Structures are given as C-alpha cells and as structure tokens.
Amino acid sequence: MKLTLALLSSLLLSTGLASAADTAVPATYPLKTCVVSNEDLGTMGKPVKVTYEGTDVYLCCKACTKDFNKEPAKFVAKVKAAEKK
C-alpha cells in the first residue's frame, strides 16, 4: 500500500499534475495580493505567473492576465516598488 502511494505521488509530481512549486508563490515575492484585482493571492485558486521584461508577477487568476497585458509596465512597477520596501 505504501509503495503504491509513493509511486502514485511520484507519477503525479513527474507529470506536473501535483507540483508544490507550481502552486505556491515564492517566499521572496514581495506582494501578498494581485496587482490587478487586489485579491489575496491563492484565494482564487492557483496563482498565475506572468513575466514581463524579466520580472515575474503573480496574479490571482487567469482572468487578470487580460488586464495585465493591457498595461504590463504599470503592474510591474507595483512589484518593483514593493521590492524596494
């Protein structure tokens, strides 16, 4: 039984279906809220990572990517300002 669970867990991790790294915002990320909606990260499901000019930005959901893409520099500036604090 333990071997079966270990194999299943290993399979899920290797396929990307259950990776802790994919579901968590890094501890070094300076914000706890979405720069687009101001919702707490993680409350709308798995946060979505977007990268603009080398800066990673975490959004609360896929729906926020549309607004992010309209003015990415504006939202990246919020992340960079939070990093300076």
PDB file of N, CA and C in Angstrom:
ATOM      1  N   MET A   1       0.828  -1.198   0.000  1.00  0.00           N
ATOM      2  CA  MET A   1       0.000   0.000   0.000  1.00  0.00           C
ATOM      3  C   MET A   1       0.870   1.259   0.000  1.00  0.00           C
ATOM      4  N   LYS A   2       1.894   1.297   0.886  1.00  0.00           N
ATOM      5  CA  LYS A   2       2.774   2.465   0.936  1.00  0.00           C
ATOM      6  C   LYS A   2       3.516   2.638  -0.381  1.00  0.00           C
ATOM      7  N   LEU A   3       3.941   1.536  -0.968  1.00  0.00           N
ATOM      8  CA  LEU A   3       4.651   1.607  -2.229  1.00  0.00           C
ATOM      9  C   LEU A   3       3.754   2.154  -3.326  1.00  0.00           C
ATOM     10  N   THR A   4       2.499   1.745  -3.334  1.00  0.00           N
ATOM     11  CA  THR A   4       1.544   2.230  -4.323  1.00  0.00           C
ATOM     12  C   THR A   4       1.342   3.727  -4.185  1.00  0.00           C
ATOM     13  N   LEU A   5       1.183   4.209  -2.969  1.00  0.00           N
ATOM     14  CA  LEU A   5       1.017   5.648  -2.748  1.00  0.00           C
ATOM     15  C   LEU A   5       2.262   6.421  -3.143  1.00  0.00           C
ATOM     16  N   ALA A   6       3.419   5.881  -2.831  1.00  0.00           N
ATOM     17  CA  ALA A   6       4.674   6.538  -3.198  1.00  0.00           C
ATOM     18  C   ALA A   6       4.817   6.617  -4.713  1.00  0.00           C
ATOM     19  N   LEU A   7       4.478   5.540  -5.417  1.00  0.00           N
ATOM     20  CA  LEU A   7       4.564   5.534  -6.872  1.00  0.00           C
ATOM     21  C   LEU A   7       3.571   6.505  -7.491  1.00  0.00           C
ATOM     22  N   LEU A   8       2.370   6.530  -6.972  1.00  0.00           N
ATOM     23  CA  LEU A   8       1.355   7.447  -7.476  1.00  0.00           C
ATOM     24  C   LEU A   8       1.774   8.894  -7.258  1.00  0.00           C
ATOM     25  N   SER A   9       2.267   9.192  -6.079  1.00  0.00           N
ATOM     26  CA  SER A   9       2.732  10.537  -5.772  1.00  0.00           C
ATOM     27  C   SER A   9       3.874  10.939  -6.691  1.00  0.00           C
ATOM     28  N   SER A  10       4.796  10.037  -6.897  1.00  0.00           N
ATOM     29  CA  SER A  10       5.934  10.295  -7.778  1.00  0.00           C
ATOM     30  C   SER A  10       5.463  10.543  -9.209  1.00  0.00           C
ATOM     31  N   LEU A  11       4.512   9.764  -9.663  1.00  0.00           N
ATOM     32  CA  LEU A  11       3.973   9.924 -11.009  1.00  0.00           C
ATOM     33  C   LEU A  11       3.304  11.281 -11.171  1.00  0.00           C
ATOM     34  N   LEU A  12       2.502  11.686 -10.209  1.00  0.00           N
ATOM     35  CA  LEU A  12       1.825  12.974 -10.282  1.00  0.00           C
ATOM     36  C   LEU A  12       2.820  14.127 -10.305  1.00  0.00           C
ATOM     37  N   LEU A  13       3.844  14.035  -9.497  1.00  0.00           N
ATOM     38  CA  LEU A  13       4.857  15.087  -9.470  1.00  0.00           C
ATOM     39  C   LEU A  13       5.629  15.151 -10.779  1.00  0.00           C
ATOM     40  N   SER A  14       5.951  14.007 -11.343  1.00  0.00           N
ATOM     41  CA  SER A  14       6.739  13.990 -12.571  1.00  0.00           C
ATOM     42  C   SER A  14       5.934  14.490 -13.765  1.00  0.00           C
ATOM     43  N   THR A  15       4.621  14.361 -13.730  1.00  0.00           N
ATOM     44  CA  THR A  15       3.795  14.834 -14.838  1.00  0.00           C
ATOM     45  C   THR A  15       3.358  16.272 -14.657  1.00  0.00           C
ATOM     46  N   GLY A  16       3.674  16.865 -13.507  1.00  0.00           N
ATOM     47  CA  GLY A  16       3.306  18.247 -13.273  1.00  0.00           C
ATOM     48  C   GLY A  16       1.893  18.423 -12.774  1.00  0.00           C
ATOM     49  N   LEU A  17       1.197  17.341 -12.485  1.00  0.00           N
ATOM     50  CA  LEU A  17      -0.184  17.456 -12.039  1.00  0.00           C
ATOM     51  C   LEU A  17      -0.299  17.856 -10.578  1.00  0.00           C
ATOM     52  N   ALA A  18       0.751  17.674  -9.813  1.00  0.00           N
ATOM     53  CA  ALA A  18       0.674  17.997  -8.391  1.00  0.00           C
ATOM     54  C   ALA A  18       2.016  18.498  -7.889  1.00  0.00           C
ATOM     55  N   SER A  19       2.474  19.584  -8.418  1.00  0.00           N
ATOM     56  CA  SER A  19       3.764  20.125  -8.011  1.00  0.00           C
ATOM     57  C   SER A  19       3.583  21.290  -7.050  1.00  0.00           C
ATOM     58  N   ALA A  20       4.164  21.189  -5.888  1.00  0.00           N
ATOM     59  CA  ALA A  20       4.073  22.265  -4.899  1.00  0.00           C
ATOM     60  C   ALA A  20       4.699  23.535  -5.436  1.00  0.00           C
ATOM     61  N   ALA A  21       5.732  23.417  -6.228  1.00  0.00           N
ATOM     62  CA  ALA A  21       6.401  24.596  -6.778  1.00  0.00           C
ATOM     63  C   ALA A  21       5.494  25.356  -7.739  1.00  0.00           C
ATOM     64  N   ASP A  22       4.583  24.648  -8.408  1.00  0.00           N
ATOM     65  CA  ASP A  22       3.689  25.294  -9.353  1.00  0.00           C
ATOM     66  C   ASP A  22       2.506  25.982  -8.674  1.00  0.00           C
ATOM     67  N   THR A  23       2.215  25.630  -7.456  1.00  0.00           N
ATOM     68  CA  THR A  23       1.025  26.164  -6.810  1.00  0.00           C
ATOM     69  C   THR A  23       1.323  27.256  -5.803  1.00  0.00           C
ATOM     70  N   ALA A  24       2.577  27.478  -5.505  1.00  0.00           N
ATOM     71  CA  ALA A  24       2.917  28.432  -4.464  1.00  0.00           C
ATOM     72  C   ALA A  24       3.667  29.630  -5.035  1.00  0.00           C
ATOM     73  N   VAL A  25       3.401  30.775  -4.453  1.00  0.00           N
ATOM     74  CA  VAL A  25       4.144  31.980  -4.771  1.00  0.00           C
ATOM     75  C   VAL A  25       5.435  31.916  -3.958  1.00  0.00           C
ATOM     76  N   PRO A  26       6.576  32.193  -4.559  1.00  0.00           N
ATOM     77  CA  PRO A  26       7.834  32.120  -3.810  1.00  0.00           C
ATOM     78  C   PRO A  26       7.823  33.035  -2.583  1.00  0.00           C
ATOM     79  N   ALA A  27       8.480  32.593  -1.537  1.00  0.00           N
ATOM     80  CA  ALA A  27       8.546  33.383  -0.304  1.00  0.00           C
ATOM     81  C   ALA A  27       9.222  34.726  -0.543  1.00  0.00           C
ATOM     82  N   THR A  28      10.031  34.817  -1.567  1.00  0.00           N
ATOM     83  CA  THR A  28      10.741  36.067  -1.856  1.00  0.00           C
ATOM     84  C   THR A  28       9.895  37.074  -2.625  1.00  0.00           C
ATOM     85  N   TYR A  29       8.730  36.656  -3.111  1.00  0.00           N
ATOM     86  CA  TYR A  29       7.859  37.584  -3.849  1.00  0.00           C
ATOM     87  C   TYR A  29       7.329  38.627  -2.873  1.00  0.00           C
ATOM     88  N   PRO A  30       7.426  39.916  -3.204  1.00  0.00           N
ATOM     89  CA  PRO A  30       7.143  40.969  -2.218  1.00  0.00           C
ATOM     90  C   PRO A  30       5.673  41.275  -1.932  1.00  0.00           C
ATOM     91  N   LEU A  31       4.762  40.716  -2.706  1.00  0.00           N
ATOM     92  CA  LEU A  31       3.346  41.049  -2.529  1.00  0.00           C
ATOM     93  C   LEU A  31       2.525  39.845  -2.093  1.00  0.00           C
ATOM     94  N   LYS A  32       1.462  40.105  -1.384  1.00  0.00           N
ATOM     95  CA  LYS A  32       0.529  39.056  -0.960  1.00  0.00           C
ATOM     96  C   LYS A  32      -0.793  39.162  -1.711  1.00  0.00           C
ATOM     97  N   THR A  33      -0.924  40.215  -2.527  1.00  0.00           N
ATOM     98  CA  THR A  33      -2.151  40.437  -3.284  1.00  0.00           C
ATOM     99  C   THR A  33      -1.850  40.574  -4.770  1.00  0.00           C
ATOM    100  N   CYS A  34      -2.856  40.374  -5.564  1.00  0.00           N
ATOM    101  CA  CYS A  34      -2.773  40.503  -7.015  1.00  0.00           C
ATOM    102  C   CYS A  34      -2.640  41.988  -7.374  1.00  0.00           C
ATOM    103  N   VAL A  35      -1.704  42.320  -8.262  1.00  0.00           N
ATOM    104  CA  VAL A  35      -1.507  43.721  -8.644  1.00  0.00           C
ATOM    105  C   VAL A  35      -2.637  44.240  -9.516  1.00  0.00           C
ATOM    106  N   VAL A  36      -3.433  43.360 -10.078  1.00  0.00           N
ATOM    107  CA  VAL A  36      -4.549  43.779 -10.934  1.00  0.00           C
ATOM    108  C   VAL A  36      -5.822  43.958 -10.120  1.00  0.00           C
ATOM    109  N   SER A  37      -6.202  42.963  -9.327  1.00  0.00           N
ATOM    110  CA  SER A  37      -7.504  42.983  -8.639  1.00  0.00           C
ATOM    111  C   SER A  37      -7.430  43.297  -7.151  1.00  0.00           C
ATOM    112  N   ASN A  38      -6.231  43.253  -6.597  1.00  0.00           N
ATOM    113  CA  ASN A  38      -6.011  43.416  -5.147  1.00  0.00           C
ATOM    114  C   ASN A  38      -6.574  42.267  -4.315  1.00  0.00           C
ATOM    115  N   GLU A  39      -6.937  41.161  -4.954  1.00  0.00           N
ATOM    116  CA  GLU A  39      -7.374  39.965  -4.234  1.00  0.00           C
ATOM    117  C   GLU A  39      -6.146  39.273  -3.644  1.00  0.00           C
ATOM    118  N   ASP A  40      -6.316  38.614  -2.512  1.00  0.00           N
ATOM    119  CA  ASP A  40      -5.224  37.848  -1.922  1.00  0.00           C
ATOM    120  C   ASP A  40      -4.816  36.730  -2.862  1.00  0.00           C
ATOM    121  N   LEU A  41      -3.508  36.580  -3.062  1.00  0.00           N
ATOM    122  CA  LEU A  41      -3.009  35.502  -3.915  1.00  0.00           C
ATOM    123  C   LEU A  41      -3.351  34.154  -3.290  1.00  0.00           C
ATOM    124  N   GLY A  42      -3.888  33.266  -4.089  1.00  0.00           N
ATOM    125  CA  GLY A  42      -4.259  31.944  -3.623  1.00  0.00           C
ATOM    126  C   GLY A  42      -5.724  31.796  -3.271  1.00  0.00           C
ATOM    127  N   THR A  43      -6.458  32.892  -3.169  1.00  0.00           N
ATOM    128  CA  THR A  43      -7.874  32.797  -2.820  1.00  0.00           C
ATOM    129  C   THR A  43      -8.756  32.501  -4.029  1.00  0.00           C
ATOM    130  N   MET A  44      -8.208  32.666  -5.224  1.00  0.00           N
ATOM    131  CA  MET A  44      -8.974  32.426  -6.447  1.00  0.00           C
ATOM    132  C   MET A  44      -8.455  31.173  -7.162  1.00  0.00           C
ATOM    133  N   GLY A  45      -7.831  30.306  -6.403  1.00  0.00           N
ATOM    134  CA  GLY A  45      -7.204  29.126  -6.990  1.00  0.00           C
ATOM    135  C   GLY A  45      -5.712  29.340  -7.107  1.00  0.00           C
ATOM    136  N   LYS A  46      -5.091  28.551  -7.951  1.00  0.00           N
ATOM    137  CA  LYS A  46      -3.647  28.616  -8.131  1.00  0.00           C
ATOM    138  C   LYS A  46      -3.264  29.966  -8.750  1.00  0.00           C
ATOM    139  N   PRO A  47      -2.345  30.711  -8.118  1.00  0.00           N
ATOM    140  CA  PRO A  47      -1.893  31.972  -8.717  1.00  0.00           C
ATOM    141  C   PRO A  47      -1.263  31.732 -10.085  1.00  0.00           C
ATOM    142  N   VAL A  48      -1.387  32.717 -10.942  1.00  0.00           N
ATOM    143  CA  VAL A  48      -0.866  32.642 -12.301  1.00  0.00           C
ATOM    144  C   VAL A  48       0.388  33.506 -12.385  1.00  0.00           C
ATOM    145  N   LYS A  49       1.472  32.918 -12.875  1.00  0.00           N
ATOM    146  CA  LYS A  49       2.720  33.671 -13.019  1.00  0.00           C
ATOM    147  C   LYS A  49       2.843  34.175 -14.443  1.00  0.00           C
ATOM    148  N   VAL A  50       3.096  35.482 -14.574  1.00  0.00           N
ATOM    149  CA  VAL A  50       3.418  36.077 -15.867  1.00  0.00           C
ATOM    150  C   VAL A  50       4.766  36.774 -15.715  1.00  0.00           C
ATOM    151  N   THR A  51       5.490  36.879 -16.803  1.00  0.00           N
ATOM    152  CA  THR A  51       6.795  37.531 -16.774  1.00  0.00           C
ATOM    153  C   THR A  51       6.809  38.630 -17.824  1.00  0.00           C
ATOM    154  N   TYR A  52       7.246  39.807 -17.405  1.00  0.00           N
ATOM    155  CA  TYR A  52       7.340  40.936 -18.320  1.00  0.00           C
ATOM    156  C   TYR A  52       8.702  41.579 -18.132  1.00  0.00           C
ATOM    157  N   GLU A  53       9.458  41.637 -19.209  1.00  0.00           N
ATOM    158  CA  GLU A  53      10.803  42.209 -19.204  1.00  0.00           C
ATOM    159  C   GLU A  53      11.644  41.688 -18.036  1.00  0.00           C
ATOM    160  N   GLY A  54      11.577  40.381 -17.820  1.00  0.00           N
ATOM    161  CA  GLY A  54      12.400  39.739 -16.806  1.00  0.00           C
ATOM    162  C   GLY A  54      11.867  39.766 -15.385  1.00  0.00           C
ATOM    163  N   THR A  55      10.725  40.400 -15.171  1.00  0.00           N
ATOM    164  CA  THR A  55      10.136  40.466 -13.834  1.00  0.00           C
ATOM    165  C   THR A  55       8.937  39.530 -13.751  1.00  0.00           C
ATOM    166  N   ASP A  56       8.969  38.624 -12.771  1.00  0.00           N
ATOM    167  CA  ASP A  56       7.836  37.725 -12.536  1.00  0.00           C
ATOM    168  C   ASP A  56       6.764  38.450 -11.735  1.00  0.00           C
ATOM    169  N   VAL A  57       5.535  38.274 -12.166  1.00  0.00           N
ATOM    170  CA  VAL A  57       4.384  38.874 -11.484  1.00  0.00           C
ATOM    171  C   VAL A  57       3.373  37.761 -11.260  1.00  0.00           C
ATOM    172  N   TYR A  58       2.835  37.682 -10.052  1.00  0.00           N
ATOM    173  CA  TYR A  58       1.838  36.663  -9.730  1.00  0.00           C
ATOM    174  C   TYR A  58       0.464  37.318  -9.649  1.00  0.00           C
ATOM    175  N   LEU A  59      -0.470  36.734 -10.385  1.00  0.00           N
ATOM    176  CA  LEU A  59      -1.846  37.225 -10.436  1.00  0.00           C
ATOM    177  C   LEU A  59      -2.752  36.216  -9.740  1.00  0.00           C
ATOM    178  N   CYS A  60      -3.889  36.684  -9.256  1.00  0.00           N
ATOM    179  CA  CYS A  60      -4.780  35.799  -8.507  1.00  0.00           C
ATOM    180  C   CYS A  60      -5.466  34.761  -9.384  1.00  0.00           C
ATOM    181  N   CYS A  61      -5.632  35.069 -10.684  1.00  0.00           N
ATOM    182  CA  CYS A  61      -6.336  34.140 -11.570  1.00  0.00           C
ATOM    183  C   CYS A  61      -6.025  34.446 -13.032  1.00  0.00           C
ATOM    184  N   LYS A  62      -6.407  33.548 -13.909  1.00  0.00           N
ATOM    185  CA  LYS A  62      -6.164  33.732 -15.342  1.00  0.00           C
ATOM    186  C   LYS A  62      -6.926  34.931 -15.899  1.00  0.00           C
ATOM    187  N   ALA A  63      -8.077  35.242 -15.339  1.00  0.00           N
ATOM    188  CA  ALA A  63      -8.864  36.366 -15.839  1.00  0.00           C
ATOM    189  C   ALA A  63      -8.099  37.684 -15.735  1.00  0.00           C
ATOM    190  N   CYS A  64      -7.216  37.802 -14.755  1.00  0.00           N
ATOM    191  CA  CYS A  64      -6.452  39.042 -14.567  1.00  0.00           C
ATOM    192  C   CYS A  64      -5.369  39.231 -15.627  1.00  0.00           C
ATOM    193  N   THR A  65      -5.019  38.175 -16.346  1.00  0.00           N
ATOM    194  CA  THR A  65      -3.971  38.310 -17.362  1.00  0.00           C
ATOM    195  C   THR A  65      -4.392  39.254 -18.484  1.00  0.00           C
ATOM    196  N   LYS A  66      -5.672  39.301 -18.787  1.00  0.00           N
ATOM    197  CA  LYS A  66      -6.156  40.191 -19.848  1.00  0.00           C
ATOM    198  C   LYS A  66      -5.880  41.644 -19.482  1.00  0.00           C
ATOM    199  N   ASP A  67      -6.220  42.036 -18.256  1.00  0.00           N
ATOM    200  CA  ASP A  67      -5.961  43.403 -17.816  1.00  0.00           C
ATOM    201  C   ASP A  67      -4.467  43.664 -17.651  1.00  0.00           C
ATOM    202  N   PHE A  68      -3.741  42.665 -17.164  1.00  0.00           N
ATOM    203  CA  PHE A  68      -2.295  42.809 -17.030  1.00  0.00           C
ATOM    204  C   PHE A  68      -1.666  43.114 -18.390  1.00  0.00           C
ATOM    205  N   ASN A  69      -2.070  42.373 -19.421  1.00  0.00           N
ATOM    206  CA  ASN A  69      -1.481  42.532 -20.754  1.00  0.00           C
ATOM    207  C   ASN A  69      -1.794  43.878 -21.398  1.00  0.00           C
ATOM    208  N   LYS A  70      -2.818  44.574 -20.930  1.00  0.00           N
ATOM    209  CA  LYS A  70      -3.134  45.901 -21.456  1.00  0.00           C
ATOM    210  C   LYS A  70      -2.103  46.931 -21.001  1.00  0.00           C
ATOM    211  N   GLU A  71      -1.622  46.814 -19.765  1.00  0.00           N
ATOM    212  CA  GLU A  71      -0.669  47.766 -19.188  1.00  0.00           C
ATOM    213  C   GLU A  71       0.374  47.054 -18.322  1.00  0.00           C
ATOM    214  N   PRO A  72       1.162  46.161 -18.899  1.00  0.00           N
ATOM    215  CA  PRO A  72       2.084  45.378 -18.075  1.00  0.00           C
ATOM    216  C   PRO A  72       3.102  46.224 -17.311  1.00  0.00           C
ATOM    217  N   ALA A  73       3.596  47.288 -17.904  1.00  0.00           N
ATOM    218  CA  ALA A  73       4.599  48.121 -17.227  1.00  0.00           C
ATOM    219  C   ALA A  73       4.035  48.736 -15.946  1.00  0.00           C
ATOM    220  N   LYS A  74       2.778  49.102 -15.969  1.00  0.00           N
ATOM    221  CA  LYS A  74       2.117  49.665 -14.786  1.00  0.00           C
ATOM    222  C   LYS A  74       2.115  48.665 -13.633  1.00  0.00           C
ATOM    223  N   PHE A  75       1.808  47.416 -13.934  1.00  0.00           N
ATOM    224  CA  PHE A  75       1.719  46.403 -12.889  1.00  0.00           C
ATOM    225  C   PHE A  75       3.097  45.921 -12.427  1.00  0.00           C
ATOM    226  N   VAL A  76       4.052  45.868 -13.345  1.00  0.00           N
ATOM    227  CA  VAL A  76       5.419  45.510 -12.970  1.00  0.00           C
ATOM    228  C   VAL A  76       5.995  46.577 -12.047  1.00  0.00           C
ATOM    229  N   ALA A  77       5.642  47.836 -12.292  1.00  0.00           N
ATOM    230  CA  ALA A  77       6.114  48.928 -11.433  1.00  0.00           C
ATOM    231  C   ALA A  77       5.650  48.732  -9.990  1.00  0.00           C
ATOM    232  N   LYS A  78       4.455  48.192  -9.806  1.00  0.00           N
ATOM    233  CA  LYS A  78       3.955  47.919  -8.451  1.00  0.00           C
ATOM    234  C   LYS A  78       4.803  46.863  -7.761  1.00  0.00           C
ATOM    235  N   VAL A  79       5.196  45.838  -8.498  1.00  0.00           N
ATOM    236  CA  VAL A  79       6.034  44.781  -7.929  1.00  0.00           C
ATOM    237  C   VAL A  79       7.408  45.343  -7.577  1.00  0.00           C
ATOM    238  N   LYS A  80       7.989  46.115  -8.484  1.00  0.00           N
ATOM    239  CA  LYS A  80       9.311  46.681  -8.244  1.00  0.00           C
ATOM    240  C   LYS A  80       9.299  47.652  -7.072  1.00  0.00           C
ATOM    241  N   ALA A  81       8.222  48.415  -6.914  1.00  0.00           N
ATOM    242  CA  ALA A  81       8.110  49.329  -5.775  1.00  0.00           C
ATOM    243  C   ALA A  81       8.038  48.547  -4.473  1.00  0.00           C
ATOM    244  N   ALA A  82       7.326  47.436  -4.483  1.00  0.00           N
ATOM    245  CA  ALA A  82       7.215  46.605  -3.276  1.00  0.00           C
ATOM    246  C   ALA A  82       8.555  45.950  -2.948  1.00  0.00           C
ATOM    247  N   GLU A  83       9.352  45.631  -3.952  1.00  0.00           N
ATOM    248  CA  GLU A  83      10.665  45.034  -3.728  1.00  0.00           C
ATOM    249  C   GLU A  83      11.618  46.002  -3.034  1.00  0.00           C
ATOM    250  N   LYS A  84      11.444  47.278  -3.310  1.00  0.00           N
ATOM    251  CA  LYS A  84      12.324  48.292  -2.723  1.00  0.00           C
ATOM    252  C   LYS A  84      12.039  48.538  -1.251  1.00  0.00           C
ATOM    253  N   LYS A  85      10.847  48.202  -0.816  1.00  0.00           N
ATOM    254  CA  LYS A  85      10.462  48.452   0.588  1.00  0.00           C
ATOM    255  C   LYS A  85      11.132  47.521   1.527  1.00  0.00           C
TER     256      LYS A  85
END
